[in-house]
Amino acid sequence: MSNAVERPGRHPLIRGVAAVAAAVGLVAGAWWASAEPLDPTLPHQVTVGPSPGPAPMSRLNGSRNGRSGNPLPRAPKSLWRARVPGSIVDDVAIDPQGAVVVGSTTHLAQIDPRGRVAWSFRLGTASAATGPVISSNGSRVLVTSEAELLVVRQDGRVRTRRSLPVRKSSRIPALLPVETGGVAVAVDAELLLLEADGDVRARASAPGSVQTLLHRPAGLVVVTRDGAVLGWAPPSPLSEIGSLGGNPSGGAVLVSDDTLVSVVDSRRLVALDLLSGVRRLLVPEAKLSFDGPPAVAADRQTLVVSWDGLLLRHDRKGRETLRLALEPTDLTLDGGVPAARSGDGAPLLVGRDGRIGFARPGLDVGVVGPSSSVQTAAGAACVTPASLVPAGPGRMVLACRSGIVWLVGS
């Protein structure tokens, strides 16, 4: 039996209008309480969760550890070669279907899994200041040299293009997608947490120019170019955690939720406890110069490459467990003068199977196997590598600054 009481003389249509009015009132109340702009006449779709794909952001994930959930190719070979307009700026992104999203000095472009350019969007007078990332709703997002946020749908149609409320700067580190659907952006020392449509959700100013943005359960970790490490969990303000004691060459990575590691001043490998702020020297200053950032294996050992192409692995106590040459040792010019390097290699990539992907300047891209055997993909090389990322099980994408993109697989 129903306990509802129907008032005499009230038409069902009027009751329906009243119910709608009440619902609108609830929506309006929620809008007022959250102080967020909301148009009740328009549908609003919000997608939350982690960004999709094998490589949705720089260094694959919010820890920036370069560790893939997919195995790397056992016997790598070139599967296809493509070219995009302009010079590739930074890491490329890979979506769940294997499409490659590329930011260059002139375009944002997408290459389909077969190696064909699916679409290409001209940036106008600006260039890409960051590599693209894939947000949780599948949008392709980057920031231009004009401090402009560009959000593009999977089919290449522009969703949002708007200027950010910051001054133009050439110092814009890799974007960090967040699980609310937006991205965290740093422009010089200014920090912005943006909603999916580009609205500013939170803002802060770091004590120096930002080098790296990372994510852990407690919130964001902000690393500046002079080595300061801060925590940010909006709406709380920035909080000081500690210092790396120098310049974090190539950026920092999270070995675990509570431990950050970085190559410092290209000479030392330093760990920082994010709970206590205590800094620990893992590898002291040596004659070798290291390319950062490190990569992190599943057992939390760190991997770095020296300036001259030596792969080094260290355990959590800083003990060296591997030293392997990735480059020939006899690269010399006439007269015995060592050949000059044409640029840094791409950061290392670690597969789920323990294999290590690498791309050195002017040499074929390769994989180090569990027994320290090295196999390379003949012909797939860059004078200056920009990015090496996983593209699904047994596949990698190598992107060159020149605009060439290679798919490598077994």
Protein backbone atom coordinates (compact mmCIF):
# COMPACT_ATOMS: atom_id res chain seq x y z
CA MET A 1 0.00 0.00 0.00
CA SER A 2 1.32 3.42 -0.92
CA ASN A 3 1.59 6.17 1.72
CA ALA A 4 1.69 8.90 -0.91
CA VAL A 5 -1.06 11.50 -0.65
CA GLU A 6 -2.46 13.02 -3.82
CA ARG A 7 -3.75 16.48 -3.28
CA PRO A 8 -7.20 17.12 -4.81
CA GLY A 9 -7.31 19.25 -7.92
CA ARG A 10 -3.57 18.97 -8.75
CA HIS A 11 -3.07 17.89 -12.37
CA PRO A 12 -0.32 15.26 -13.09
CA LEU A 13 1.34 17.71 -15.51
CA ILE A 14 1.64 20.27 -12.73
CA ARG A 15 3.15 17.63 -10.46
CA GLY A 16 5.71 16.83 -13.17
CA VAL A 17 6.64 20.50 -13.55
CA ALA A 18 7.04 20.76 -9.79
CA ALA A 19 9.34 17.73 -9.76
CA VAL A 20 11.49 19.21 -12.52
CA ALA A 21 11.62 22.52 -10.67
CA ALA A 22 12.73 20.72 -7.53
CA ALA A 23 15.45 18.91 -9.45
CA VAL A 24 16.64 22.17 -10.96
CA GLY A 25 16.67 23.62 -7.47
CA LEU A 26 18.89 20.80 -6.27
CA VAL A 27 21.26 21.35 -9.19
CA ALA A 28 21.33 25.07 -8.47
CA GLY A 29 22.05 24.39 -4.81
CA ALA A 30 24.90 22.08 -5.70
CA TRP A 31 26.32 24.68 -8.07
CA TRP A 32 26.19 27.37 -5.38
CA ALA A 33 27.83 25.11 -2.80
CA SER A 34 30.73 24.21 -5.08
CA ALA A 35 31.13 27.71 -6.53
CA GLU A 36 31.70 26.11 -9.95
CA PRO A 37 30.07 27.57 -13.07
CA LEU A 38 27.39 25.22 -14.40
CA ASP A 39 24.81 25.70 -17.09
CA PRO A 40 21.83 23.45 -16.19
CA THR A 41 20.54 23.64 -19.77
CA LEU A 42 23.59 21.86 -21.18
CA PRO A 43 24.62 18.22 -20.74
CA HIS A 44 27.86 17.76 -18.80
CA GLN A 45 29.89 14.60 -19.22
CA VAL A 46 32.83 14.02 -16.89
CA THR A 47 35.27 11.14 -17.31
CA VAL A 48 37.52 10.33 -14.37
CA GLY A 49 40.21 7.75 -13.81
CA PRO A 50 43.72 7.07 -15.13
CA SER A 51 44.66 8.12 -18.63
CA PRO A 52 44.29 5.26 -21.15
CA GLY A 53 46.94 3.73 -23.36
CA PRO A 54 50.44 2.24 -23.04
CA ALA A 55 52.07 5.70 -23.04
CA PRO A 56 49.53 8.45 -22.24
CA MET A 57 52.11 10.90 -20.85
CA SER A 58 55.82 11.65 -20.64
CA ARG A 59 57.68 8.72 -19.03
CA LEU A 60 54.45 6.65 -19.20
CA ASN A 61 52.90 7.38 -15.78
CA GLY A 62 52.65 9.84 -12.90
CA SER A 63 55.76 8.35 -11.28
CA ARG A 64 57.74 9.16 -14.48
CA ASN A 65 59.61 5.89 -13.96
CA GLY A 66 59.66 4.72 -17.59
CA ARG A 67 58.29 1.30 -16.61
CA SER A 68 55.83 -0.23 -19.07
CA GLY A 69 53.03 -2.67 -18.37
CA ASN A 70 53.84 -4.38 -21.69
CA PRO A 71 56.78 -6.59 -22.68
CA LEU A 72 59.32 -5.14 -25.11
CA PRO A 73 60.22 -6.78 -28.43
CA ARG A 74 62.50 -9.81 -28.12
CA ALA A 75 64.04 -9.43 -31.59
CA PRO A 76 63.32 -5.83 -32.62
CA LYS A 77 62.92 -4.84 -36.24
CA SER A 78 61.41 -1.89 -38.08
CA LEU A 79 57.71 -2.35 -38.90
CA TRP A 80 57.02 1.06 -40.42
CA ARG A 81 58.39 4.57 -40.77
CA ALA A 82 56.36 7.79 -40.86
CA ARG A 83 57.03 11.51 -40.89
CA VAL A 84 55.18 14.44 -39.32
CA PRO A 85 55.58 18.14 -40.18
CA GLY A 86 58.10 20.12 -38.18
CA SER A 87 60.56 19.02 -35.52
CA ILE A 88 59.27 16.75 -32.73
CA VAL A 89 59.42 18.57 -29.41
CA ASP A 90 59.28 15.94 -26.67
CA ASP A 91 57.77 12.57 -25.75
CA VAL A 92 55.03 11.23 -28.01
CA ALA A 93 51.86 9.63 -26.57
CA ILE A 94 50.28 6.29 -27.49
CA ASP A 95 46.54 5.62 -27.11
CA PRO A 96 44.88 2.23 -26.41
CA GLN A 97 44.49 1.48 -30.14
CA GLY A 98 48.19 2.13 -30.84
CA ALA A 99 47.78 5.55 -32.45
CA VAL A 100 50.80 7.83 -32.02
CA VAL A 101 50.14 11.45 -30.97
CA VAL A 102 52.99 13.84 -31.79
CA GLY A 103 53.66 17.49 -30.95
CA SER A 104 56.08 19.38 -33.19
CA THR A 105 57.31 22.90 -33.81
CA THR A 106 54.42 23.41 -36.24
CA HIS A 107 51.70 20.78 -35.67
CA LEU A 108 49.84 18.44 -33.41
CA ALA A 109 49.48 15.23 -35.40
CA GLN A 110 48.26 11.68 -35.04
CA ILE A 111 49.63 8.60 -36.80
CA ASP A 112 47.37 5.57 -37.02
CA PRO A 113 48.57 2.07 -36.02
CA ARG A 114 49.47 1.34 -39.68
CA GLY A 115 51.84 4.29 -39.93
CA ARG A 116 49.58 6.71 -41.83
CA VAL A 117 49.04 10.29 -40.69
CA ALA A 118 45.38 10.27 -39.60
CA TRP A 119 45.16 14.01 -38.98
CA SER A 120 47.43 16.98 -38.54
CA PHE A 121 46.50 20.25 -36.83
CA ARG A 122 48.58 23.36 -37.59
CA LEU A 123 49.47 25.37 -34.48
CA GLY A 124 49.68 28.68 -36.32
CA THR A 125 52.41 31.05 -35.15
CA ALA A 126 53.04 28.94 -32.04
CA SER A 127 54.90 25.66 -31.60
CA ALA A 128 54.36 22.83 -29.16
CA ALA A 129 56.05 23.68 -25.86
CA THR A 130 55.30 20.26 -24.41
CA GLY A 131 54.75 16.79 -25.73
CA PRO A 132 51.08 15.78 -25.93
CA VAL A 133 49.33 13.80 -23.21
CA ILE A 134 46.12 11.78 -23.29
CA SER A 135 43.59 12.78 -20.66
CA SER A 136 41.25 10.35 -18.91
CA ASN A 137 38.49 11.17 -21.44
CA GLY A 138 40.78 10.37 -24.38
CA SER A 139 41.46 13.98 -25.42
CA ARG A 140 44.89 14.94 -26.76
CA VAL A 141 46.28 17.85 -24.72
CA LEU A 142 49.33 20.06 -25.10
CA VAL A 143 50.52 23.59 -24.29
CA THR A 144 51.98 25.83 -26.98
CA SER A 145 54.83 28.33 -26.85
CA GLU A 146 52.17 31.05 -26.58
CA ALA A 147 51.07 29.60 -23.20
CA GLU A 148 47.92 28.33 -24.88
CA LEU A 149 46.13 25.14 -23.88
CA LEU A 150 45.04 22.99 -26.81
CA VAL A 151 42.60 20.10 -26.26
CA VAL A 152 41.77 18.00 -29.34
CA ARG A 153 39.33 15.11 -29.69
CA GLN A 154 40.44 11.68 -30.86
CA ASP A 155 39.26 12.48 -34.40
CA GLY A 156 41.33 15.68 -34.60
CA ARG A 157 38.53 18.17 -33.92
CA VAL A 158 39.42 20.95 -31.49
CA ARG A 159 37.60 20.69 -28.18
CA THR A 160 39.24 23.64 -26.38
CA ARG A 161 41.81 26.26 -27.29
CA ARG A 162 42.39 28.98 -24.72
CA SER A 163 45.15 31.13 -23.29
CA LEU A 164 46.39 30.22 -19.85
CA PRO A 165 46.46 32.96 -17.17
CA VAL A 166 50.27 33.04 -17.08
CA ARG A 167 53.09 34.83 -18.86
CA LYS A 168 54.68 33.17 -21.90
CA SER A 169 57.75 31.11 -21.05
CA SER A 170 60.01 28.59 -22.72
CA ARG A 171 60.23 26.70 -19.42
CA ILE A 172 57.22 24.40 -19.50
CA PRO A 173 57.87 20.85 -18.23
CA ALA A 174 55.89 17.79 -19.26
CA LEU A 175 52.16 17.97 -18.54
CA LEU A 176 50.69 15.68 -15.91
CA PRO A 177 47.18 14.30 -16.53
CA VAL A 178 45.15 13.90 -13.33
CA GLU A 179 42.37 11.43 -12.66
CA THR A 180 39.70 14.14 -12.51
CA GLY A 181 40.06 14.51 -16.29
CA GLY A 182 42.22 17.62 -16.33
CA VAL A 183 45.96 18.27 -16.30
CA ALA A 184 48.55 19.85 -14.05
CA VAL A 185 50.66 22.48 -15.82
CA ALA A 186 53.78 24.37 -14.75
CA VAL A 187 54.86 27.50 -16.63
CA ASP A 188 58.15 28.68 -15.19
CA ALA A 189 57.29 28.90 -11.44
CA GLU A 190 53.50 29.08 -11.85
CA LEU A 191 51.47 25.95 -11.15
CA LEU A 192 47.98 25.40 -12.53
CA LEU A 193 45.60 22.52 -11.94
CA LEU A 194 43.15 22.60 -14.84
CA GLU A 195 39.76 21.01 -15.35
CA ALA A 196 39.09 19.04 -18.54
CA ASP A 197 37.73 22.18 -20.26
CA GLY A 198 40.73 24.30 -19.20
CA ASP A 199 39.12 26.09 -16.25
CA VAL A 200 41.59 26.72 -13.41
CA ARG A 201 40.74 24.53 -10.44
CA ALA A 202 43.76 25.49 -8.29
CA ARG A 203 46.85 27.67 -8.57
CA ALA A 204 50.16 28.09 -6.73
CA SER A 205 53.61 29.61 -7.14
CA ALA A 206 56.76 27.55 -6.61
CA PRO A 207 59.98 29.08 -5.20
CA GLY A 208 61.71 28.53 -8.54
CA SER A 209 61.22 27.36 -12.10
CA VAL A 210 59.57 23.92 -12.13
CA GLN A 211 61.43 20.99 -13.69
CA THR A 212 59.16 17.99 -13.02
CA LEU A 213 55.57 17.25 -11.95
CA LEU A 214 54.85 13.83 -10.44
CA HIS A 215 51.86 12.15 -8.85
CA ARG A 216 51.57 9.94 -5.78
CA PRO A 217 48.55 9.05 -3.58
CA ALA A 218 49.27 11.93 -1.18
CA GLY A 219 49.09 14.46 -4.02
CA LEU A 220 51.43 16.07 -6.53
CA VAL A 221 55.20 16.30 -6.13
CA VAL A 222 56.82 19.43 -7.59
CA VAL A 223 60.57 19.48 -8.33
CA THR A 224 62.24 22.77 -9.27
CA ARG A 225 65.29 23.24 -11.46
CA ASP A 226 67.45 24.07 -8.44
CA GLY A 227 66.43 20.83 -6.71
CA ALA A 228 63.73 21.95 -4.27
CA VAL A 229 61.05 19.29 -3.75
CA LEU A 230 57.55 20.30 -2.67
CA GLY A 231 54.18 18.69 -2.14
CA TRP A 232 50.90 20.05 -3.49
CA ALA A 233 47.48 18.68 -2.61
CA PRO A 234 44.94 21.40 -3.54
CA PRO A 235 43.20 23.17 -1.91
CA SER A 236 46.14 23.02 0.54
CA PRO A 237 49.09 25.29 -0.33
CA LEU A 238 52.50 24.06 -1.44
CA SER A 239 54.52 22.42 1.32
CA GLU A 240 58.29 22.03 1.49
CA ILE A 241 59.55 18.43 1.52
CA GLY A 242 63.30 18.68 1.00
CA SER A 243 66.06 19.31 -1.50
CA LEU A 244 68.05 17.21 -3.97
CA GLY A 245 71.10 19.42 -3.40
CA GLY A 246 71.56 20.46 -7.00
CA ASN A 247 70.08 20.49 -10.47
CA PRO A 248 67.90 17.42 -11.20
CA SER A 249 69.40 16.62 -14.61
CA GLY A 250 66.63 15.45 -16.91
CA GLY A 251 64.07 15.39 -14.10
CA ALA A 252 63.18 13.21 -11.12
CA VAL A 253 61.25 9.92 -10.79
CA LEU A 254 59.39 8.12 -8.03
CA VAL A 255 60.89 4.76 -7.09
CA SER A 256 58.00 4.26 -4.68
CA ASP A 257 55.24 6.43 -3.23
CA ASP A 258 57.67 7.70 -0.60
CA THR A 259 61.03 7.79 -2.42
CA LEU A 260 62.20 10.09 -5.20
CA VAL A 261 65.40 9.57 -7.20
CA SER A 262 67.22 11.88 -9.58
CA VAL A 263 70.50 12.36 -11.37
CA VAL A 264 71.88 15.57 -9.81
CA ASP A 265 74.27 17.92 -11.64
CA SER A 266 74.81 15.08 -14.18
CA ARG A 267 77.26 13.46 -11.73
CA ARG A 268 75.44 11.97 -8.74
CA LEU A 269 72.45 9.72 -8.17
CA VAL A 270 70.45 11.03 -5.22
CA ALA A 271 67.44 9.63 -3.34
CA LEU A 272 65.06 11.71 -1.24
CA ASP A 273 62.70 10.31 1.39
CA LEU A 274 59.42 12.18 0.85
CA LEU A 275 58.20 11.49 4.40
CA SER A 276 61.25 12.72 6.31
CA GLY A 277 62.88 14.96 3.69
CA VAL A 278 66.20 13.15 4.26
CA ARG A 279 68.52 13.12 1.23
CA ARG A 280 70.75 10.12 0.56
CA LEU A 281 73.60 9.81 -1.92
CA LEU A 282 73.15 6.55 -3.87
CA VAL A 283 76.02 7.01 -6.33
CA PRO A 284 78.71 9.56 -5.42
CA GLU A 285 80.23 11.99 -7.89
CA ALA A 286 82.31 10.10 -10.41
CA LYS A 287 84.21 10.67 -13.63
CA LEU A 288 81.14 9.59 -15.61
CA SER A 289 78.46 12.08 -16.60
CA PHE A 290 74.93 10.70 -16.52
CA ASP A 291 71.97 11.40 -18.75
CA GLY A 292 68.77 11.77 -16.73
CA PRO A 293 66.13 10.91 -15.85
CA PRO A 294 66.64 7.41 -14.43
CA ALA A 295 64.31 4.51 -15.18
CA VAL A 296 63.08 2.15 -12.47
CA ALA A 297 62.90 -1.64 -12.75
CA ALA A 298 60.18 -3.71 -11.10
CA ASP A 299 62.55 -4.58 -8.22
CA ARG A 300 63.13 -0.82 -7.67
CA GLN A 301 66.66 -0.88 -9.05
CA THR A 302 67.50 2.31 -10.92
CA LEU A 303 68.88 2.48 -14.45
CA VAL A 304 70.88 5.36 -15.92
CA VAL A 305 73.03 5.89 -19.00
CA SER A 306 76.34 7.71 -18.96
CA TRP A 307 77.06 10.48 -21.43
CA ASP A 308 79.19 8.10 -23.48
CA GLY A 309 76.62 5.29 -23.59
CA LEU A 310 77.29 3.04 -20.58
CA LEU A 311 74.16 1.47 -19.09
CA LEU A 312 74.40 1.32 -15.29
CA ARG A 313 72.03 -0.36 -12.86
CA HIS A 314 72.08 0.19 -9.09
CA ASP A 315 70.19 -1.47 -6.28
CA ARG A 316 68.40 0.42 -3.51
CA LYS A 317 71.63 0.76 -1.54
CA GLY A 318 73.47 2.27 -4.49
CA ARG A 319 75.49 -0.85 -5.32
CA GLU A 320 76.23 -1.27 -9.03
CA THR A 321 74.65 -4.45 -10.40
CA LEU A 322 75.16 -3.93 -14.13
CA ARG A 323 77.54 -2.03 -16.42
CA LEU A 324 77.02 -2.51 -20.15
CA ALA A 325 78.19 -0.53 -23.19
CA LEU A 326 75.31 0.50 -25.46
CA GLU A 327 77.61 2.28 -27.94
CA PRO A 328 80.76 1.16 -29.74
CA THR A 329 83.90 2.26 -27.94
CA ASP A 330 85.84 2.95 -31.16
CA LEU A 331 83.82 5.86 -32.59
CA THR A 332 86.74 8.08 -33.72
CA LEU A 333 87.51 10.51 -36.50
CA ASP A 334 90.70 10.70 -38.57
CA GLY A 335 93.68 11.15 -36.29
CA GLY A 336 92.09 9.20 -33.46
CA VAL A 337 89.97 12.06 -32.20
CA PRO A 338 86.79 10.76 -30.48
CA ALA A 339 83.66 11.40 -32.54
CA ALA A 340 81.49 14.14 -31.11
CA ARG A 341 78.03 13.18 -29.96
CA SER A 342 75.20 14.76 -31.90
CA GLY A 343 72.82 14.88 -28.93
CA ASP A 344 71.48 13.00 -25.93
CA GLY A 345 69.72 9.67 -26.18
CA ALA A 346 66.08 9.12 -25.34
CA PRO A 347 65.34 8.17 -21.72
CA LEU A 348 65.44 4.43 -21.01
CA LEU A 349 62.35 2.23 -21.21
CA VAL A 350 61.78 -0.83 -18.99
CA GLY A 351 59.40 -3.57 -20.13
CA ARG A 352 57.21 -5.80 -18.00
CA ASP A 353 59.51 -8.67 -18.99
CA GLY A 354 62.59 -6.88 -17.61
CA ARG A 355 63.98 -5.96 -21.01
CA ILE A 356 65.43 -2.46 -21.36
CA GLY A 357 64.77 -0.32 -24.43
CA PHE A 358 67.30 2.32 -25.46
CA ALA A 359 67.90 4.80 -28.27
CA ARG A 360 71.34 6.39 -28.63
CA PRO A 361 72.23 9.22 -31.03
CA GLY A 362 72.97 7.98 -34.55
CA LEU A 363 72.63 4.30 -33.62
CA ASP A 364 69.90 1.71 -34.18
CA VAL A 365 67.30 1.49 -31.44
CA GLY A 366 67.80 -1.60 -29.31
CA VAL A 367 66.75 -3.82 -26.42
CA VAL A 368 68.85 -5.30 -23.62
CA GLY A 369 67.71 -8.81 -22.69
CA PRO A 370 67.74 -10.49 -19.26
CA SER A 371 71.21 -12.00 -19.93
CA SER A 372 72.59 -8.55 -20.93
CA SER A 373 72.44 -9.48 -24.61
CA VAL A 374 71.83 -6.51 -26.92
CA GLN A 375 69.65 -6.71 -30.03
CA THR A 376 68.99 -3.79 -32.36
CA ALA A 377 66.51 -2.94 -35.12
CA ALA A 378 68.56 -2.39 -38.27
CA GLY A 379 67.93 1.01 -39.84
CA ALA A 380 65.63 2.39 -37.12
CA ALA A 381 67.81 5.22 -35.85
CA CYS A 382 67.80 8.95 -35.09
CA VAL A 383 70.56 11.50 -35.19
CA THR A 384 68.81 13.01 -32.18
CA PRO A 385 66.23 10.76 -30.48
CA ALA A 386 63.30 12.57 -28.88
CA SER A 387 61.25 9.75 -27.40
CA LEU A 388 61.14 5.99 -26.93
CA VAL A 389 57.80 4.63 -25.67
CA PRO A 390 55.87 1.34 -25.60
CA ALA A 391 53.15 0.90 -28.22
CA GLY A 392 51.54 -2.32 -27.02
CA PRO A 393 52.87 -5.83 -26.33
CA GLY A 394 56.20 -6.38 -28.07
CA ARG A 395 56.19 -2.95 -29.72
CA MET A 396 57.98 0.37 -29.26
CA VAL A 397 57.80 3.74 -30.98
CA LEU A 398 60.97 5.72 -31.59
CA ALA A 399 60.47 9.42 -32.40
CA CYS A 400 63.27 11.58 -33.83
CA ARG A 401 63.64 15.34 -33.46
CA SER A 402 63.73 15.48 -37.26
CA GLY A 403 60.06 14.44 -37.47
CA ILE A 404 60.66 10.77 -38.30
CA VAL A 405 58.68 8.19 -36.31
CA TRP A 406 59.51 4.47 -36.28
CA LEU A 407 57.40 1.54 -35.09
CA VAL A 408 59.63 -1.28 -33.87
CA GLY A 409 58.42 -4.78 -33.01
CA SER A 410 59.35 -8.43 -33.06
